[in-house]
Amino acid sequence: MDLTKVISEAVENAIVQELGRFNDNMLNIAKAFEKANYELEVYTVKEVASILKVNTNKIYELIDKGLLKGLKLGNMKVIRADLIDFLKKYSGMDLSDLDNIKELKSNI
């Protein structure tokens, strides 16, 4: 095998490896952007009420009490990430009386 061919194959292999790394990096960046867009999606109070199967007054009450973060931009809105945080924080809790939040009792 001549030296030119060896060098050519080595360069070609290096380029293929580098393109593979570049492709992986671009996929990771695309996934990060997709996740950021997903988490930053904004819901109206009506949409949040529909998701949680409650009326809009309950959502406004949760926001007024500081339990759910709201965003006043024209009308009140809720960012998806804040809704997810709320659900994680209050999972297993009785929120029927927002002035007396307590842990749900087991029915065992």
Protein backbone atom coordinates (compact mmCIF):
# COMPACT_ATOMS: atom_id res chain seq x y z
CA MET A 1 0.00 0.00 0.00
CA ASP A 2 1.44 3.38 -0.87
CA LEU A 3 1.85 6.21 1.60
CA THR A 4 -0.68 8.48 -0.16
CA LYS A 5 -3.43 5.89 0.17
CA VAL A 6 -2.64 5.28 3.88
CA ILE A 7 -2.74 9.01 4.60
CA SER A 8 -5.93 9.44 2.59
CA GLU A 9 -7.70 6.64 4.50
CA ALA A 10 -6.51 8.00 7.85
CA VAL A 11 -7.80 11.48 7.00
CA GLU A 12 -11.09 10.03 5.76
CA ASN A 13 -11.54 8.03 8.98
CA ALA A 14 -10.76 11.08 11.10
CA ILE A 15 -13.30 13.16 9.16
CA VAL A 16 -15.99 10.47 9.53
CA GLN A 17 -15.37 10.28 13.29
CA GLU A 18 -15.48 14.06 13.65
CA LEU A 19 -18.70 14.27 11.62
CA GLY A 20 -20.21 11.61 13.89
CA ARG A 21 -19.31 13.65 16.99
CA PHE A 22 -20.67 16.80 15.37
CA ASN A 23 -23.92 15.02 14.51
CA ASP A 24 -24.27 13.76 18.11
CA ASN A 25 -23.67 17.29 19.42
CA MET A 26 -26.29 18.74 17.08
CA LEU A 27 -28.83 16.11 18.18
CA ASN A 28 -28.15 16.95 21.84
CA ILE A 29 -28.62 20.65 21.13
CA ALA A 30 -31.88 19.97 19.28
CA LYS A 31 -33.16 17.85 22.18
CA ALA A 32 -32.25 20.61 24.67
CA PHE A 33 -34.16 23.20 22.63
CA GLU A 34 -37.14 20.88 22.33
CA LYS A 35 -37.16 20.32 26.10
CA ALA A 36 -36.87 24.05 26.79
CA ASN A 37 -39.77 24.80 24.45
CA TYR A 38 -41.84 22.06 26.08
CA GLU A 39 -41.19 23.35 29.60
CA LEU A 40 -41.80 26.98 28.65
CA GLU A 41 -45.15 26.36 26.98
CA VAL A 42 -47.72 28.75 28.42
CA TYR A 43 -51.27 27.82 29.41
CA THR A 44 -54.27 30.04 30.01
CA VAL A 45 -56.08 29.71 33.33
CA LYS A 46 -58.91 27.99 31.47
CA GLU A 47 -56.49 25.42 30.02
CA VAL A 48 -54.95 24.75 33.45
CA ALA A 49 -58.43 24.35 34.93
CA SER A 50 -59.26 21.84 32.21
CA ILE A 51 -56.04 19.90 32.80
CA LEU A 52 -56.65 19.75 36.58
CA LYS A 53 -60.39 19.13 36.19
CA VAL A 54 -61.36 22.11 38.36
CA ASN A 55 -63.02 25.43 37.65
CA THR A 56 -61.08 28.58 36.80
CA ASN A 57 -61.89 30.15 40.19
CA LYS A 58 -59.86 27.40 41.87
CA ILE A 59 -56.87 28.18 39.63
CA TYR A 60 -57.09 31.90 40.44
CA GLU A 61 -57.30 30.98 44.14
CA LEU A 62 -54.20 28.77 43.87
CA ILE A 63 -52.35 31.66 42.20
CA ASP A 64 -53.62 34.24 44.73
CA LYS A 65 -52.46 32.04 47.65
CA GLY A 66 -49.02 31.65 46.05
CA LEU A 67 -49.35 27.90 45.63
CA LEU A 68 -49.21 28.03 41.82
CA LYS A 69 -47.04 30.56 40.01
CA GLY A 70 -48.93 32.77 37.61
CA LEU A 71 -47.79 35.11 34.88
CA LYS A 72 -49.79 38.24 34.15
CA LEU A 73 -49.40 38.88 30.44
CA GLY A 74 -52.67 40.37 29.30
CA ASN A 75 -54.67 37.67 31.04
CA MET A 76 -53.25 35.39 33.73
CA LYS A 77 -51.18 32.51 32.39
CA VAL A 78 -49.25 29.55 33.84
CA ILE A 79 -45.98 28.19 32.49
CA ARG A 80 -45.99 24.41 32.01
CA ALA A 81 -42.85 23.95 34.16
CA ASP A 82 -44.57 25.82 37.03
CA LEU A 83 -47.66 23.62 36.70
CA ILE A 84 -45.47 20.51 36.81
CA ASP A 85 -43.64 21.86 39.90
CA PHE A 86 -47.00 22.53 41.57
CA LEU A 87 -48.20 18.99 40.86
CA LYS A 88 -44.98 17.46 42.20
CA LYS A 89 -45.00 19.62 45.34
CA TYR A 90 -48.64 19.02 46.23
CA SER A 91 -49.03 15.41 45.11
CA GLY A 92 -50.57 13.45 47.98
CA MET A 93 -51.99 16.59 49.59
CA ASP A 94 -55.58 17.65 50.30
CA LEU A 95 -56.08 21.05 48.67
CA SER A 96 -59.84 21.27 49.19
CA ASP A 97 -59.23 23.98 51.86
CA LEU A 98 -56.26 26.10 50.78
CA ASP A 99 -56.00 27.66 54.25
CA ASN A 100 -55.64 24.19 55.79
CA ILE A 101 -53.54 22.06 53.42
CA LYS A 102 -52.90 18.61 54.79
CA GLU A 103 -51.60 15.26 53.71
CA LEU A 104 -54.15 12.85 52.29
CA LYS A 105 -54.98 10.03 54.65
CA SER A 106 -54.62 6.48 53.42
CA ASN A 107 -57.84 4.47 53.07
CA ILE A 108 -56.16 1.23 54.11
